[in-house]
Amino acid sequence: QVQLVESGGGLVQPGESLRLSCAASRSIFSIYNMGWYRQAPGKQRELVARFTSGGTTNYADSVKGRFTISRNNAKNTVYLQMNSLKPEDTAVYYCYADRPSSGYWGQGTQVTVSS
């Protein structure tokens, strides 16, 4: 089992920044893909950014150049730095970790971008 605990959501104005954090209950980076999905009202959950188990990163086209995923191996924590936020970034952001045999989700954190 892996527990994922997220923090860092909130309400910001367009153009501002937020950083999300996701702490895993144990060291999983080398065997799990790990990253962030988001789900806006009435829309499907979509991948935002992730680390693969091999350490490469992937981003949704809509966030490239604005969002950066990073991690702290010693703290088993993944971060999502979100800059130049737009109203369309408003969603519940979920941390996830998966591999072919299993997957885990955090509880979600709300990000609202509004003036």
Protein backbone atom coordinates (compact mmCIF):
# COMPACT_ATOMS: atom_id res chain seq x y z
CA GLN A 1 0.00 0.00 0.00
CA VAL A 2 1.01 3.57 -0.70
CA GLN A 3 -0.59 6.63 0.86
CA LEU A 4 -0.37 9.91 -0.99
CA VAL A 5 -0.98 13.17 0.87
CA GLU A 6 -1.42 16.37 -1.12
CA SER A 7 -1.19 19.98 -0.06
CA GLY A 8 -0.91 23.43 -1.55
CA GLY A 9 -4.14 24.16 -3.36
CA GLY A 10 -6.06 27.40 -3.04
CA LEU A 11 -7.61 30.43 -4.68
CA VAL A 12 -5.41 32.67 -6.80
CA GLN A 13 -5.84 35.33 -9.43
CA PRO A 14 -4.92 34.82 -13.10
CA GLY A 15 -1.19 35.11 -13.65
CA GLU A 16 -0.28 34.07 -10.12
CA SER A 17 1.51 30.92 -8.97
CA LEU A 18 0.91 27.95 -6.69
CA ARG A 19 2.97 24.96 -5.69
CA LEU A 20 1.36 21.61 -4.96
CA SER A 21 3.08 18.92 -2.92
CA CYS A 22 2.44 15.19 -2.74
CA ALA A 23 4.15 13.11 -0.09
CA ALA A 24 4.25 9.34 -0.50
CA SER A 25 4.28 7.07 2.53
CA ARG A 26 7.37 5.25 1.30
CA SER A 27 10.04 5.41 -1.38
CA ILE A 28 8.44 4.54 -4.70
CA PHE A 29 10.06 6.70 -7.35
CA SER A 30 12.13 3.92 -8.87
CA ILE A 31 9.20 1.56 -9.40
CA TYR A 32 6.17 3.79 -9.87
CA ASN A 33 5.20 6.47 -12.32
CA MET A 34 4.13 9.43 -10.20
CA GLY A 35 2.56 12.76 -10.93
CA TRP A 36 -0.59 14.81 -11.20
CA TYR A 37 -3.97 14.59 -12.84
CA ARG A 38 -6.71 17.18 -12.69
CA GLN A 39 -10.46 17.18 -13.12
CA ALA A 40 -12.53 20.22 -13.85
CA PRO A 41 -16.32 20.26 -13.35
CA GLY A 42 -18.05 18.36 -16.11
CA LYS A 43 -14.79 17.18 -17.66
CA GLN A 44 -12.78 14.00 -17.65
CA ARG A 45 -9.74 13.61 -15.47
CA GLU A 46 -6.62 14.49 -17.45
CA LEU A 47 -2.91 14.00 -16.98
CA VAL A 48 -1.11 17.22 -16.11
CA ALA A 49 2.48 16.13 -15.51
CA ARG A 50 4.33 13.06 -14.36
CA PHE A 51 7.64 11.38 -13.70
CA THR A 52 7.99 7.93 -15.17
CA SER A 53 9.71 5.28 -13.06
CA GLY A 54 12.74 5.86 -15.26
CA GLY A 55 12.84 9.52 -14.30
CA THR A 56 11.63 11.16 -17.50
CA THR A 57 8.93 13.82 -17.39
CA ASN A 58 5.78 14.29 -19.42
CA TYR A 59 3.47 17.31 -19.57
CA ALA A 60 0.09 18.05 -21.01
CA ASP A 61 0.38 20.46 -23.94
CA SER A 62 -1.86 22.93 -22.12
CA VAL A 63 0.65 23.38 -19.27
CA LYS A 64 4.00 23.14 -21.04
CA GLY A 65 6.16 26.14 -20.26
CA ARG A 66 4.02 27.11 -17.25
CA PHE A 67 4.08 24.07 -14.95
CA THR A 68 7.12 22.22 -13.67
CA ILE A 69 7.14 18.88 -11.91
CA SER A 70 10.00 18.11 -9.55
CA ARG A 71 10.75 15.76 -6.72
CA ASN A 72 12.70 15.33 -3.53
CA ASN A 73 13.85 11.72 -3.25
CA ALA A 74 14.80 12.02 0.41
CA LYS A 75 11.30 13.23 1.30
CA ASN A 76 9.43 10.92 -1.11
CA THR A 77 7.68 14.05 -2.32
CA VAL A 78 6.66 15.28 -5.75
CA TYR A 79 5.93 18.93 -6.43
CA LEU A 80 4.00 20.75 -9.11
CA GLN A 81 5.04 24.37 -9.56
CA MET A 82 2.27 26.16 -11.42
CA ASN A 83 3.05 29.58 -12.87
CA SER A 84 1.03 31.97 -15.01
CA LEU A 85 -2.17 30.32 -13.88
CA LYS A 86 -5.26 30.72 -16.01
CA PRO A 87 -8.96 30.34 -15.17
CA GLU A 88 -9.01 27.16 -17.26
CA ASP A 89 -6.52 25.62 -14.81
CA THR A 90 -9.28 25.57 -12.21
CA ALA A 91 -9.81 21.95 -11.16
CA VAL A 92 -9.29 19.42 -8.43
CA TYR A 93 -5.71 18.23 -8.71
CA TYR A 94 -4.95 14.63 -7.80
CA CYS A 95 -1.61 13.09 -7.07
CA TYR A 96 -1.22 9.57 -8.34
CA ALA A 97 1.29 6.74 -8.42
CA ASP A 98 1.00 3.69 -10.61
CA ARG A 99 2.70 0.73 -12.16
CA PRO A 100 1.19 -2.09 -14.25
CA SER A 101 0.03 -4.05 -11.22
CA SER A 102 -1.33 -1.30 -8.98
CA GLY A 103 -2.25 2.35 -8.64
CA TYR A 104 -2.94 4.88 -5.90
CA TRP A 105 -4.58 8.30 -5.69
CA GLY A 106 -4.41 11.15 -3.26
CA GLN A 107 -7.52 12.80 -1.88
CA GLY A 108 -7.33 15.76 -4.26
CA THR A 109 -6.72 19.45 -3.70
CA GLN A 110 -8.78 22.27 -5.17
CA VAL A 111 -7.10 24.91 -7.32
CA THR A 112 -9.26 27.88 -8.28
CA VAL A 113 -8.03 30.63 -10.58
CA SER A 114 -10.36 33.58 -10.60
CA SER A 115 -10.31 37.34 -10.51
